[in-house]
Amino acid sequence: MTPSDASAPAPDGRWSSLDRPPLNAQALRQALVRPGGLWTSLEVVESTGSTNSDLAGRAEGLPEGAVLVAEEQTAGRGRLDRSWTAPARSGLFFSVLLKPEGVPSGQWGWLTLLAGVATATAVSRTAGVDTALKWPNDLLVTVEGEERKTGGILAERVAGDPGGVVIGIGLNVTLGAGELPVPTAGSLALAKAAVTDRDPVLRAVLRSIEDWYGRWRAADGDAARSGLLEAYTAGCATLGREVRAELPGGRSLTGTAEALDEDGRLVLRTAEGTREAVGAGDVVHLRGLA
């Protein structure tokens, strides 16, 4: 399909809910796209399969800073090929294109964690709800005393010279209990957020990404020097917990999450006292803080 701005309700009534107004693409561009800034274009489409797939397919011909937002995502993807779907206009579903020239490619893996810090910071400040990070890419809120996943981040490298990274972010905003895809999911509304208007939340997240990305690039991708490592560590709910890491190949590892190493990997201490860094896989929180 040819993307079109979803700045007004569609005539068939699918987009006419007063509780879930459409995003105003023109106002967002005026607020975020400016000379000298990171964001160079911003497009809002009514519906698409995956903003990550769409933006990655066009990445080679786009400058850094392109933003693609969908009011509805029908084939959204998370880590480990999990699906991410939600009712139209019930959340924020968007992808951004970054091309960090000059930063060693070995440091690009930090962009997922950078997006997590930026998003959690912006949501906490704008929506007024505590937001924590579950390593490596989940956003957690508290609903009725329980940790619930309300958002996720997926970073994918794209080909080209010098190439780039498309970062997709999905955030449940106004989903009610009956709309959750799984019982362990949550939303800002269910977490009693003070603000559930998607417009200011999206603006805040994109500005926060721009700020953190600028610091990280200025430090040549050094997570410690840019403050990114310290910020992620401070906001990570996984550290200090007993966890089980489901690793590629069917292997699992249980231990206490002690730290992040210089590559952003999660360092576990097993019951035998050994320390092992986990760079890929699925992490399950087994119990509270150690």
C-alpha atoms as a PDB file:
ATOM      1  CA  MET A   1       0.000   0.000   0.000  1.00  0.00           C
ATOM      2  CA  THR A   2       1.045   3.614  -0.417  1.00  0.00           C
ATOM      3  CA  PRO A   3       1.471   5.183   3.049  1.00  0.00           C
ATOM      4  CA  SER A   4      -0.700   8.197   3.767  1.00  0.00           C
ATOM      5  CA  ASP A   5      -0.903  10.534   6.750  1.00  0.00           C
ATOM      6  CA  ALA A   6      -3.483   9.510   9.306  1.00  0.00           C
ATOM      7  CA  SER A   7      -4.134  13.023  10.558  1.00  0.00           C
ATOM      8  CA  ALA A   8      -7.908  12.794  10.174  1.00  0.00           C
ATOM      9  CA  PRO A   9     -10.498  10.059  10.849  1.00  0.00           C
ATOM     10  CA  ALA A  10     -11.226   7.677   7.996  1.00  0.00           C
ATOM     11  CA  PRO A  11     -14.760   7.824   6.596  1.00  0.00           C
ATOM     12  CA  ASP A  12     -15.595   4.215   7.523  1.00  0.00           C
ATOM     13  CA  GLY A  13     -15.686   5.068  11.217  1.00  0.00           C
ATOM     14  CA  ARG A  14     -12.871   2.742  12.346  1.00  0.00           C
ATOM     15  CA  TRP A  15     -10.870   5.769  13.444  1.00  0.00           C
ATOM     16  CA  SER A  16     -13.680   7.846  14.949  1.00  0.00           C
ATOM     17  CA  SER A  17     -13.475   6.771  18.623  1.00  0.00           C
ATOM     18  CA  LEU A  18     -13.303   9.823  20.856  1.00  0.00           C
ATOM     19  CA  ASP A  19     -11.366   7.775  23.422  1.00  0.00           C
ATOM     20  CA  ARG A  20      -8.656   7.011  20.886  1.00  0.00           C
ATOM     21  CA  PRO A  21      -8.197  10.040  18.628  1.00  0.00           C
ATOM     22  CA  PRO A  22      -5.807   9.788  15.680  1.00  0.00           C
ATOM     23  CA  LEU A  23      -2.351  11.292  15.800  1.00  0.00           C
ATOM     24  CA  ASN A  24      -1.900  14.611  14.035  1.00  0.00           C
ATOM     25  CA  ALA A  25       0.991  14.004  11.653  1.00  0.00           C
ATOM     26  CA  GLN A  26       1.378  17.645  10.649  1.00  0.00           C
ATOM     27  CA  ALA A  27       1.591  18.851  14.247  1.00  0.00           C
ATOM     28  CA  LEU A  28       4.106  16.130  15.083  1.00  0.00           C
ATOM     29  CA  ARG A  29       6.315  17.118  12.147  1.00  0.00           C
ATOM     30  CA  GLN A  30       6.170  20.767  13.125  1.00  0.00           C
ATOM     31  CA  ALA A  31       7.226  19.896  16.664  1.00  0.00           C
ATOM     32  CA  LEU A  32       9.955  17.358  15.899  1.00  0.00           C
ATOM     33  CA  VAL A  33      11.404  17.838  12.397  1.00  0.00           C
ATOM     34  CA  ARG A  34      13.686  20.853  12.386  1.00  0.00           C
ATOM     35  CA  PRO A  35      16.974  21.928  10.747  1.00  0.00           C
ATOM     36  CA  GLY A  36      19.956  20.539  12.620  1.00  0.00           C
ATOM     37  CA  GLY A  37      17.847  18.045  14.567  1.00  0.00           C
ATOM     38  CA  LEU A  38      17.991  14.266  14.380  1.00  0.00           C
ATOM     39  CA  TRP A  39      14.511  13.727  12.958  1.00  0.00           C
ATOM     40  CA  THR A  40      14.418  14.444   9.242  1.00  0.00           C
ATOM     41  CA  SER A  41      10.957  13.112   8.333  1.00  0.00           C
ATOM     42  CA  LEU A  42       7.895  11.793  10.135  1.00  0.00           C
ATOM     43  CA  GLU A  43       5.103   9.840   8.515  1.00  0.00           C
ATOM     44  CA  VAL A  44       1.922   8.460  10.071  1.00  0.00           C
ATOM     45  CA  VAL A  45       0.036   5.659   8.306  1.00  0.00           C
ATOM     46  CA  GLU A  46      -3.359   4.265   9.215  1.00  0.00           C
ATOM     47  CA  SER A  47      -2.339   0.608   9.105  1.00  0.00           C
ATOM     48  CA  THR A  48       0.591  -1.530   8.096  1.00  0.00           C
ATOM     49  CA  GLY A  49       2.026  -4.947   8.760  1.00  0.00           C
ATOM     50  CA  SER A  50       5.240  -3.853  10.465  1.00  0.00           C
ATOM     51  CA  THR A  51       6.796  -0.399  10.670  1.00  0.00           C
ATOM     52  CA  ASN A  52      10.210  -2.032  11.069  1.00  0.00           C
ATOM     53  CA  SER A  53       9.814  -4.011   7.850  1.00  0.00           C
ATOM     54  CA  ASP A  54       8.508  -0.978   5.962  1.00  0.00           C
ATOM     55  CA  LEU A  55      11.268   1.351   7.124  1.00  0.00           C
ATOM     56  CA  ALA A  56      14.024  -1.243   6.651  1.00  0.00           C
ATOM     57  CA  GLY A  57      12.855  -1.784   3.070  1.00  0.00           C
ATOM     58  CA  ARG A  58      13.319   1.899   2.299  1.00  0.00           C
ATOM     59  CA  ALA A  59      16.327   2.587   4.528  1.00  0.00           C
ATOM     60  CA  GLU A  60      19.003   2.768   1.840  1.00  0.00           C
ATOM     61  CA  GLY A  61      17.284   5.675   0.121  1.00  0.00           C
ATOM     62  CA  LEU A  62      16.435   7.599   3.278  1.00  0.00           C
ATOM     63  CA  PRO A  63      18.553   9.935   5.385  1.00  0.00           C
ATOM     64  CA  GLU A  64      19.127   9.234   9.042  1.00  0.00           C
ATOM     65  CA  GLY A  65      16.274  10.305  11.269  1.00  0.00           C
ATOM     66  CA  ALA A  66      13.277   8.991   9.329  1.00  0.00           C
ATOM     67  CA  VAL A  67      10.326   8.119  11.603  1.00  0.00           C
ATOM     68  CA  LEU A  68       7.420   5.874  10.596  1.00  0.00           C
ATOM     69  CA  VAL A  69       4.371   5.635  12.858  1.00  0.00           C
ATOM     70  CA  ALA A  70       1.363   3.336  12.384  1.00  0.00           C
ATOM     71  CA  GLU A  71      -2.040   3.792  13.976  1.00  0.00           C
ATOM     72  CA  GLU A  72      -2.439   0.031  13.652  1.00  0.00           C
ATOM     73  CA  GLN A  73       0.143  -2.700  13.161  1.00  0.00           C
ATOM     74  CA  THR A  74      -1.183  -6.042  11.938  1.00  0.00           C
ATOM     75  CA  ALA A  75       2.070  -8.031  11.827  1.00  0.00           C
ATOM     76  CA  GLY A  76       4.278  -6.347  14.384  1.00  0.00           C
ATOM     77  CA  ARG A  77       7.330  -8.315  15.468  1.00  0.00           C
ATOM     78  CA  GLY A  78       9.181  -8.577  18.740  1.00  0.00           C
ATOM     79  CA  ARG A  79      12.312 -10.461  19.702  1.00  0.00           C
ATOM     80  CA  LEU A  80      12.450 -14.182  18.887  1.00  0.00           C
ATOM     81  CA  ASP A  81       9.862 -13.631  16.105  1.00  0.00           C
ATOM     82  CA  ARG A  82       7.039 -13.038  18.576  1.00  0.00           C
ATOM     83  CA  SER A  83       4.038 -11.126  17.288  1.00  0.00           C
ATOM     84  CA  TRP A  84       3.007  -7.716  18.611  1.00  0.00           C
ATOM     85  CA  THR A  85      -0.562  -6.680  17.841  1.00  0.00           C
ATOM     86  CA  ALA A  86      -3.078  -4.375  19.510  1.00  0.00           C
ATOM     87  CA  PRO A  87      -6.313  -2.583  18.634  1.00  0.00           C
ATOM     88  CA  ALA A  88      -6.019   0.426  16.336  1.00  0.00           C
ATOM     89  CA  ARG A  89      -4.825   3.603  18.087  1.00  0.00           C
ATOM     90  CA  SER A  90      -4.561   1.840  21.453  1.00  0.00           C
ATOM     91  CA  GLY A  91      -0.795   2.354  21.600  1.00  0.00           C
ATOM     92  CA  LEU A  92       2.284   3.759  19.939  1.00  0.00           C
ATOM     93  CA  PHE A  93       3.782   1.632  17.155  1.00  0.00           C
ATOM     94  CA  PHE A  94       6.701   3.277  15.394  1.00  0.00           C
ATOM     95  CA  SER A  95      10.192   2.799  13.988  1.00  0.00           C
ATOM     96  CA  VAL A  96      13.149   5.134  13.556  1.00  0.00           C
ATOM     97  CA  LEU A  97      16.161   4.930  11.248  1.00  0.00           C
ATOM     98  CA  LEU A  98      19.609   5.635  12.693  1.00  0.00           C
ATOM     99  CA  LYS A  99      22.892   5.643  10.785  1.00  0.00           C
ATOM    100  CA  PRO A 100      25.634   6.125  13.378  1.00  0.00           C
ATOM    101  CA  GLU A 101      28.560   6.855  11.066  1.00  0.00           C
ATOM    102  CA  GLY A 102      31.845   7.091  12.907  1.00  0.00           C
ATOM    103  CA  VAL A 103      30.724   4.834  15.750  1.00  0.00           C
ATOM    104  CA  PRO A 104      32.418   1.404  15.689  1.00  0.00           C
ATOM    105  CA  SER A 105      29.883  -1.180  14.542  1.00  0.00           C
ATOM    106  CA  GLY A 106      30.704  -3.289  17.589  1.00  0.00           C
ATOM    107  CA  GLN A 107      29.007  -0.616  19.720  1.00  0.00           C
ATOM    108  CA  TRP A 108      25.768  -0.567  17.713  1.00  0.00           C
ATOM    109  CA  GLY A 109      24.270  -3.273  19.903  1.00  0.00           C
ATOM    110  CA  TRP A 110      23.858  -0.613  22.593  1.00  0.00           C
ATOM    111  CA  LEU A 111      21.159   1.101  20.509  1.00  0.00           C
ATOM    112  CA  THR A 112      18.490  -1.298  21.792  1.00  0.00           C
ATOM    113  CA  LEU A 113      19.403  -0.448  25.380  1.00  0.00           C
ATOM    114  CA  LEU A 114      19.649   3.249  24.503  1.00  0.00           C
ATOM    115  CA  ALA A 115      16.107   3.188  23.121  1.00  0.00           C
ATOM    116  CA  GLY A 116      14.954   1.463  26.298  1.00  0.00           C
ATOM    117  CA  VAL A 117      16.478   4.103  28.571  1.00  0.00           C
ATOM    118  CA  ALA A 118      15.111   6.920  26.419  1.00  0.00           C
ATOM    119  CA  THR A 119      11.610   5.465  26.274  1.00  0.00           C
ATOM    120  CA  ALA A 120      11.379   4.575  29.965  1.00  0.00           C
ATOM    121  CA  THR A 121      12.634   8.022  30.956  1.00  0.00           C
ATOM    122  CA  ALA A 122      10.177   9.801  28.678  1.00  0.00           C
ATOM    123  CA  VAL A 123       7.193   7.686  29.714  1.00  0.00           C
ATOM    124  CA  SER A 124       7.922   8.111  33.418  1.00  0.00           C
ATOM    125  CA  ARG A 125       8.244  11.863  33.049  1.00  0.00           C
ATOM    126  CA  THR A 126       5.335  12.470  30.671  1.00  0.00           C
ATOM    127  CA  ALA A 127       2.764   9.862  31.693  1.00  0.00           C
ATOM    128  CA  GLY A 128       3.558   9.998  35.392  1.00  0.00           C
ATOM    129  CA  VAL A 129       3.967   6.240  35.810  1.00  0.00           C
ATOM    130  CA  ASP A 130       7.080   4.399  37.004  1.00  0.00           C
ATOM    131  CA  THR A 131       8.592   2.492  34.085  1.00  0.00           C
ATOM    132  CA  ALA A 132      11.372  -0.069  34.509  1.00  0.00           C
ATOM    133  CA  LEU A 133      13.522  -2.012  32.052  1.00  0.00           C
ATOM    134  CA  LYS A 134      13.689  -5.780  31.766  1.00  0.00           C
ATOM    135  CA  TRP A 135      16.891  -6.817  30.015  1.00  0.00           C
ATOM    136  CA  PRO A 136      17.330  -6.380  27.166  1.00  0.00           C
ATOM    137  CA  ASN A 137      14.326  -4.680  25.618  1.00  0.00           C
ATOM    138  CA  ASP A 138      11.090  -4.836  27.614  1.00  0.00           C
ATOM    139  CA  LEU A 139       9.352  -1.925  29.324  1.00  0.00           C
ATOM    140  CA  LEU A 140       7.629  -2.783  32.604  1.00  0.00           C
ATOM    141  CA  VAL A 141       4.909  -1.027  34.604  1.00  0.00           C
ATOM    142  CA  THR A 142       3.127  -2.071  37.781  1.00  0.00           C
ATOM    143  CA  VAL A 143      -0.525  -3.091  37.509  1.00  0.00           C
ATOM    144  CA  GLU A 144      -2.296  -4.060  40.737  1.00  0.00           C
ATOM    145  CA  GLY A 145       1.023  -4.780  42.412  1.00  0.00           C
ATOM    146  CA  GLU A 146       2.391  -6.955  39.598  1.00  0.00           C
ATOM    147  CA  GLU A 147       5.071  -6.286  36.995  1.00  0.00           C
ATOM    148  CA  ARG A 148       3.528  -6.173  33.547  1.00  0.00           C
ATOM    149  CA  LYS A 149       5.137  -5.745  30.135  1.00  0.00           C
ATOM    150  CA  THR A 150       3.741  -2.638  28.484  1.00  0.00           C
ATOM    151  CA  GLY A 151       6.274  -2.139  25.722  1.00  0.00           C
ATOM    152  CA  GLY A 152       9.055  -3.696  23.715  1.00  0.00           C
ATOM    153  CA  ILE A 153      11.908  -2.680  21.449  1.00  0.00           C
ATOM    154  CA  LEU A 154      13.339  -4.426  18.390  1.00  0.00           C
ATOM    155  CA  ALA A 155      16.511  -3.235  16.653  1.00  0.00           C
ATOM    156  CA  GLU A 156      17.454  -4.593  13.225  1.00  0.00           C
ATOM    157  CA  ARG A 157      20.496  -3.779  11.131  1.00  0.00           C
ATOM    158  CA  VAL A 158      19.938  -2.713   7.541  1.00  0.00           C
ATOM    159  CA  ALA A 159      22.311  -3.119   4.617  1.00  0.00           C
ATOM    160  CA  GLY A 160      24.039  -0.307   2.806  1.00  0.00           C
ATOM    161  CA  ASP A 161      27.105   1.856   3.032  1.00  0.00           C
ATOM    162  CA  PRO A 162      27.581   2.548   5.899  1.00  0.00           C
ATOM    163  CA  GLY A 163      24.340   0.767   6.770  1.00  0.00           C
ATOM    164  CA  GLY A 164      22.150   1.579   9.703  1.00  0.00           C
ATOM    165  CA  VAL A 165      19.777   0.352  12.359  1.00  0.00           C
ATOM    166  CA  VAL A 166      15.992   0.426  12.388  1.00  0.00           C
ATOM    167  CA  ILE A 167      14.604   0.532  15.920  1.00  0.00           C
ATOM    168  CA  GLY A 168      10.967  -0.409  16.410  1.00  0.00           C
ATOM    169  CA  ILE A 169       9.100   0.536  19.576  1.00  0.00           C
ATOM    170  CA  GLY A 170       5.690  -0.718  20.641  1.00  0.00           C
ATOM    171  CA  LEU A 171       3.971   0.744  23.678  1.00  0.00           C
ATOM    172  CA  ASN A 172       0.542  -0.197  25.032  1.00  0.00           C
ATOM    173  CA  VAL A 173      -1.195   3.010  26.061  1.00  0.00           C
ATOM    174  CA  THR A 174      -4.979   2.685  26.464  1.00  0.00           C
ATOM    175  CA  LEU A 175      -5.526  -1.082  26.299  1.00  0.00           C
ATOM    176  CA  GLY A 176      -8.085  -2.307  28.791  1.00  0.00           C
ATOM    177  CA  ALA A 177      -7.881  -5.589  30.676  1.00  0.00           C
ATOM    178  CA  GLY A 178     -10.084  -7.350  28.127  1.00  0.00           C
ATOM    179  CA  GLU A 179      -7.855  -6.277  25.227  1.00  0.00           C
ATOM    180  CA  LEU A 180      -4.531  -7.573  26.541  1.00  0.00           C
ATOM    181  CA  PRO A 181      -2.895 -10.222  24.325  1.00  0.00           C
ATOM    182  CA  VAL A 182      -1.667 -12.190  27.354  1.00  0.00           C
ATOM    183  CA  PRO A 183      -2.360 -11.923  31.110  1.00  0.00           C
ATOM    184  CA  THR A 184       1.197 -10.726  31.791  1.00  0.00           C
ATOM    185  CA  ALA A 185       0.805  -7.677  29.546  1.00  0.00           C
ATOM    186  CA  GLY A 186      -0.089  -4.219  30.776  1.00  0.00           C
ATOM    187  CA  SER A 187      -0.718  -0.698  29.563  1.00  0.00           C
ATOM    188  CA  LEU A 188      -0.215   2.851  30.758  1.00  0.00           C
ATOM    189  CA  ALA A 189      -3.948   3.148  31.402  1.00  0.00           C
ATOM    190  CA  LEU A 190      -3.992   0.015  33.568  1.00  0.00           C
ATOM    191  CA  ALA A 191      -0.980   1.370  35.459  1.00  0.00           C
ATOM    192  CA  LYS A 192      -3.057   4.484  36.294  1.00  0.00           C
ATOM    193  CA  ALA A 193      -0.953   6.825  34.193  1.00  0.00           C
ATOM    194  CA  ALA A 194      -1.736  10.509  34.608  1.00  0.00           C
ATOM    195  CA  VAL A 195      -1.464  11.034  30.835  1.00  0.00           C
ATOM    196  CA  THR A 196      -2.639   8.597  28.152  1.00  0.00           C
ATOM    197  CA  ASP A 197      -2.729  11.069  25.255  1.00  0.00           C
ATOM    198  CA  ARG A 198      -0.412   9.430  22.716  1.00  0.00           C
ATOM    199  CA  ASP A 199       0.718  12.717  21.150  1.00  0.00           C
ATOM    200  CA  PRO A 200       2.739  14.129  24.077  1.00  0.00           C
ATOM    201  CA  VAL A 201       4.067  10.664  24.916  1.00  0.00           C
ATOM    202  CA  LEU A 202       5.364  10.140  21.361  1.00  0.00           C
ATOM    203  CA  ARG A 203       6.923  13.600  21.288  1.00  0.00           C
ATOM    204  CA  ALA A 204       8.640  12.973  24.608  1.00  0.00           C
ATOM    205  CA  VAL A 205       9.999   9.565  23.534  1.00  0.00           C
ATOM    206  CA  LEU A 206      11.420  10.886  20.259  1.00  0.00           C
ATOM    207  CA  ARG A 207      13.024  13.871  21.987  1.00  0.00           C
ATOM    208  CA  SER A 208      14.504  11.565  24.613  1.00  0.00           C
ATOM    209  CA  ILE A 209      15.943   9.261  21.928  1.00  0.00           C
ATOM    210  CA  GLU A 210      17.449  12.279  20.177  1.00  0.00           C
ATOM    211  CA  ASP A 211      19.058  13.432  23.430  1.00  0.00           C
ATOM    212  CA  TRP A 212      20.520  10.041  24.380  1.00  0.00           C
ATOM    213  CA  TYR A 213      21.631   9.280  20.822  1.00  0.00           C
ATOM    214  CA  GLY A 214      23.475  12.608  20.705  1.00  0.00           C
ATOM    215  CA  ARG A 215      25.308  11.831  23.951  1.00  0.00           C
ATOM    216  CA  TRP A 216      26.183   8.316  22.797  1.00  0.00           C
ATOM    217  CA  ARG A 217      27.527   9.486  19.427  1.00  0.00           C
ATOM    218  CA  ALA A 218      29.509  12.281  21.050  1.00  0.00           C
ATOM    219  CA  ALA A 219      31.189   9.592  23.174  1.00  0.00           C
ATOM    220  CA  ASP A 220      31.950   7.495  20.041  1.00  0.00           C
ATOM    221  CA  GLY A 221      29.482   4.845  21.196  1.00  0.00           C
ATOM    222  CA  ASP A 222      31.124   4.400  24.602  1.00  0.00           C
ATOM    223  CA  ALA A 223      28.255   3.434  26.910  1.00  0.00           C
ATOM    224  CA  ALA A 224      30.137   4.280  30.092  1.00  0.00           C
ATOM    225  CA  ARG A 225      31.431   7.668  28.955  1.00  0.00           C
ATOM    226  CA  SER A 226      28.034   8.717  27.588  1.00  0.00           C
ATOM    227  CA  GLY A 227      26.259   7.827  30.832  1.00  0.00           C
ATOM    228  CA  LEU A 228      24.173   5.177  29.092  1.00  0.00           C
ATOM    229  CA  LEU A 229      25.551   2.245  31.096  1.00  0.00           C
ATOM    230  CA  GLU A 230      24.867   4.014  34.399  1.00  0.00           C
ATOM    231  CA  ALA A 231      21.345   5.037  33.334  1.00  0.00           C
ATOM    232  CA  TYR A 232      20.413   1.550  32.127  1.00  0.00           C
ATOM    233  CA  THR A 233      21.786  -0.049  35.274  1.00  0.00           C
ATOM    234  CA  ALA A 234      19.801   2.362  37.458  1.00  0.00           C
ATOM    235  CA  GLY A 235      16.537   1.633  35.641  1.00  0.00           C
ATOM    236  CA  CYS A 236      16.927  -2.109  35.070  1.00  0.00           C
ATOM    237  CA  ALA A 237      14.538  -4.271  37.081  1.00  0.00           C
ATOM    238  CA  THR A 238      16.458  -7.415  36.103  1.00  0.00           C
ATOM    239  CA  LEU A 239      19.633  -6.611  38.039  1.00  0.00           C
ATOM    240  CA  GLY A 240      19.725  -8.126  41.505  1.00  0.00           C
ATOM    241  CA  ARG A 241      17.066 -10.681  40.591  1.00  0.00           C
ATOM    242  CA  GLU A 242      17.250 -14.429  40.260  1.00  0.00           C
ATOM    243  CA  VAL A 243      16.538 -15.152  36.594  1.00  0.00           C
ATOM    244  CA  ARG A 244      16.480 -17.937  34.066  1.00  0.00           C
ATOM    245  CA  ALA A 245      18.024 -17.219  30.675  1.00  0.00           C
ATOM    246  CA  GLU A 246      16.653 -19.335  27.823  1.00  0.00           C
ATOM    247  CA  LEU A 247      19.584 -19.424  25.425  1.00  0.00           C
ATOM    248  CA  PRO A 248      19.794 -20.242  21.712  1.00  0.00           C
ATOM    249  CA  GLY A 249      20.118 -23.973  21.094  1.00  0.00           C
ATOM    250  CA  GLY A 250      17.760 -24.970  23.885  1.00  0.00           C
ATOM    251  CA  ARG A 251      20.212 -24.376  26.743  1.00  0.00           C
ATOM    252  CA  SER A 252      19.090 -22.517  29.865  1.00  0.00           C
ATOM    253  CA  LEU A 253      21.054 -20.813  32.614  1.00  0.00           C
ATOM    254  CA  THR A 254      19.805 -19.843  36.067  1.00  0.00           C
ATOM    255  CA  GLY A 255      21.515 -17.383  38.352  1.00  0.00           C
ATOM    256  CA  THR A 256      21.518 -13.909  39.870  1.00  0.00           C
ATOM    257  CA  ALA A 257      21.723 -11.022  37.395  1.00  0.00           C
ATOM    258  CA  GLU A 258      24.688  -9.051  38.706  1.00  0.00           C
ATOM    259  CA  ALA A 259      25.674  -6.485  36.099  1.00  0.00           C
ATOM    260  CA  LEU A 260      25.987  -5.466  32.468  1.00  0.00           C
ATOM    261  CA  ASP A 261      29.368  -5.836  30.815  1.00  0.00           C
ATOM    262  CA  GLU A 262      30.953  -3.334  28.406  1.00  0.00           C
ATOM    263  CA  ASP A 263      29.068  -4.897  25.491  1.00  0.00           C
ATOM    264  CA  GLY A 264      25.669  -4.629  27.175  1.00  0.00           C
ATOM    265  CA  ARG A 265      25.471  -8.354  27.958  1.00  0.00           C
ATOM    266  CA  LEU A 266      23.790  -9.523  31.150  1.00  0.00           C
ATOM    267  CA  VAL A 267      26.240 -11.079  33.616  1.00  0.00           C
ATOM    268  CA  LEU A 268      24.799 -13.918  35.711  1.00  0.00           C
ATOM    269  CA  ARG A 269      26.317 -15.544  38.781  1.00  0.00           C
ATOM    270  CA  THR A 270      25.244 -19.170  39.024  1.00  0.00           C
ATOM    271  CA  ALA A 271      24.676 -21.205  42.181  1.00  0.00           C
ATOM    272  CA  GLU A 272      28.129 -22.699  41.629  1.00  0.00           C
ATOM    273  CA  GLY A 273      29.674 -19.228  41.846  1.00  0.00           C
ATOM    274  CA  THR A 274      30.677 -18.916  38.203  1.00  0.00           C
ATOM    275  CA  ARG A 275      29.913 -15.765  36.203  1.00  0.00           C
ATOM    276  CA  GLU A 276      28.602 -15.966  32.648  1.00  0.00           C
ATOM    277  CA  ALA A 277      27.642 -13.199  30.222  1.00  0.00           C
ATOM    278  CA  VAL A 278      24.404 -13.634  28.289  1.00  0.00           C
ATOM    279  CA  GLY A 279      24.169 -11.746  25.000  1.00  0.00           C
ATOM    280  CA  ALA A 280      21.095 -13.324  23.431  1.00  0.00           C
ATOM    281  CA  GLY A 281      18.059 -15.222  24.583  1.00  0.00           C
ATOM    282  CA  ASP A 282      14.970 -14.771  26.706  1.00  0.00           C
ATOM    283  CA  VAL A 283      15.234 -13.814  30.372  1.00  0.00           C
ATOM    284  CA  VAL A 284      12.559 -14.736  32.932  1.00  0.00           C
ATOM    285  CA  HIS A 285      12.381 -13.047  36.334  1.00  0.00           C
ATOM    286  CA  LEU A 286      12.046 -15.866  38.877  1.00  0.00           C
ATOM    287  CA  ARG A 287      11.684 -13.902  42.103  1.00  0.00           C
ATOM    288  CA  GLY A 288      12.198 -10.473  43.637  1.00  0.00           C
ATOM    289  CA  LEU A 289      15.383  -8.617  44.369  1.00  0.00           C
ATOM    290  CA  ALA A 290      18.138 -10.772  45.838  1.00  0.00           C
END
